[in-house]
Amino acid sequence: MTRNKFITKAPIEWENIVDTMSDKERLRLQQELERLSERAGMLAGYLEERQGYGYGDRGHANAVKRANKIGKIIHVKAFGYNAFYKLPL
């Protein structure tokens, strides 16, 4: 099952879906969802810097720095990976 189809399912359906997946499929889906979460957080941080809410557009360079910082925070704190592990961008 693709991540796009899976995330539209209600949590009550997850057990039945996961039970039909192989270990390899579960790992692949987990990794895809982690990358998607990191990217979504990074993009949100980038857009926050660029929209200029309260302080004006801070430009691309500052927005990229913020995006990378948020990506690392998600990678380390939300998923528990080592801070020195290369981000899967």
Protein backbone atom coordinates (compact mmCIF):
# COMPACT_ATOMS: atom_id res chain seq x y z
CA MET A 1 0.00 0.00 0.00
CA THR A 2 1.30 3.43 -0.86
CA ARG A 3 1.75 6.07 1.82
CA ASN A 4 -0.89 8.29 0.21
CA LYS A 5 -3.52 5.56 0.44
CA PHE A 6 -2.43 4.53 3.93
CA ILE A 7 -2.61 8.00 5.51
CA THR A 8 -6.19 8.43 4.33
CA LYS A 9 -7.27 5.42 6.39
CA ALA A 10 -8.71 5.80 9.87
CA PRO A 11 -6.44 4.67 12.72
CA ILE A 12 -8.90 1.89 13.53
CA GLU A 13 -8.07 0.35 10.12
CA TRP A 14 -4.28 0.42 10.61
CA GLU A 15 -3.98 -2.90 12.43
CA ASN A 16 -5.66 -4.88 9.65
CA ILE A 17 -3.58 -3.16 6.98
CA VAL A 18 -0.27 -3.57 8.80
CA ASP A 19 -1.00 -7.23 9.55
CA THR A 20 -1.13 -7.93 5.81
CA MET A 21 2.22 -6.22 5.09
CA SER A 22 5.63 -7.89 5.07
CA ASP A 23 8.39 -6.60 7.34
CA LYS A 24 10.12 -5.10 4.31
CA GLU A 25 6.93 -3.25 3.27
CA ARG A 26 6.45 -1.93 6.81
CA LEU A 27 10.02 -0.62 6.95
CA ARG A 28 9.74 1.02 3.53
CA LEU A 29 6.46 2.72 4.47
CA GLN A 30 7.86 3.86 7.83
CA GLN A 31 10.89 5.42 6.11
CA GLU A 32 8.74 7.13 3.49
CA LEU A 33 6.45 8.61 6.14
CA GLU A 34 9.41 9.82 8.19
CA ARG A 35 10.92 11.56 5.15
CA LEU A 36 7.55 13.08 4.31
CA SER A 37 7.14 14.37 7.88
CA GLU A 38 10.62 15.90 7.88
CA ARG A 39 10.06 17.57 4.52
CA ALA A 40 6.64 18.92 5.54
CA GLY A 41 8.12 20.43 8.69
CA MET A 42 11.01 21.91 6.76
CA LEU A 43 8.69 23.45 4.18
CA ALA A 44 6.48 24.92 6.93
CA GLY A 45 9.53 26.53 8.52
CA TYR A 46 10.72 27.84 5.17
CA LEU A 47 7.33 29.36 4.40
CA GLU A 48 7.11 30.93 7.85
CA GLU A 49 10.35 32.83 7.18
CA ARG A 50 9.24 33.83 3.69
CA GLN A 51 5.70 34.95 4.51
CA GLY A 52 7.05 37.59 6.83
CA TYR A 53 4.42 37.29 9.54
CA GLY A 54 5.24 40.09 11.96
CA TYR A 55 8.71 40.87 10.63
CA GLY A 56 8.65 40.84 6.83
CA ASP A 57 10.11 38.39 4.34
CA ARG A 58 13.50 37.33 5.72
CA GLY A 59 14.66 35.95 2.36
CA HIS A 60 15.65 32.59 0.93
CA ALA A 61 18.96 32.15 2.80
CA ASN A 62 17.38 32.65 6.24
CA ALA A 63 14.43 30.47 5.26
CA VAL A 64 16.73 27.61 4.22
CA LYS A 65 18.60 27.85 7.54
CA ARG A 66 15.31 27.64 9.43
CA ALA A 67 14.10 24.75 7.26
CA ASN A 68 17.29 22.78 7.94
CA LYS A 69 17.07 23.48 11.67
CA ILE A 70 13.49 22.26 11.81
CA GLY A 71 14.33 19.19 9.72
CA LYS A 72 17.07 18.24 12.17
CA ILE A 73 14.78 18.80 15.17
CA ILE A 74 12.13 16.53 13.68
CA HIS A 75 14.71 13.93 12.69
CA VAL A 76 16.30 13.81 16.14
CA LYS A 77 13.48 14.57 18.57
CA ALA A 78 10.41 13.16 16.87
CA PHE A 79 12.03 10.02 15.44
CA GLY A 80 14.92 9.59 17.90
CA TYR A 81 17.75 9.40 15.38
CA ASN A 82 21.30 10.40 16.21
CA ALA A 83 21.99 14.10 15.68
CA PHE A 84 24.98 13.28 13.52
CA TYR A 85 23.14 10.92 11.20
CA LYS A 86 22.86 12.39 7.72
CA LEU A 87 19.34 13.65 7.03
CA PRO A 88 17.64 11.66 4.23
CA LEU A 89 16.81 14.64 2.06
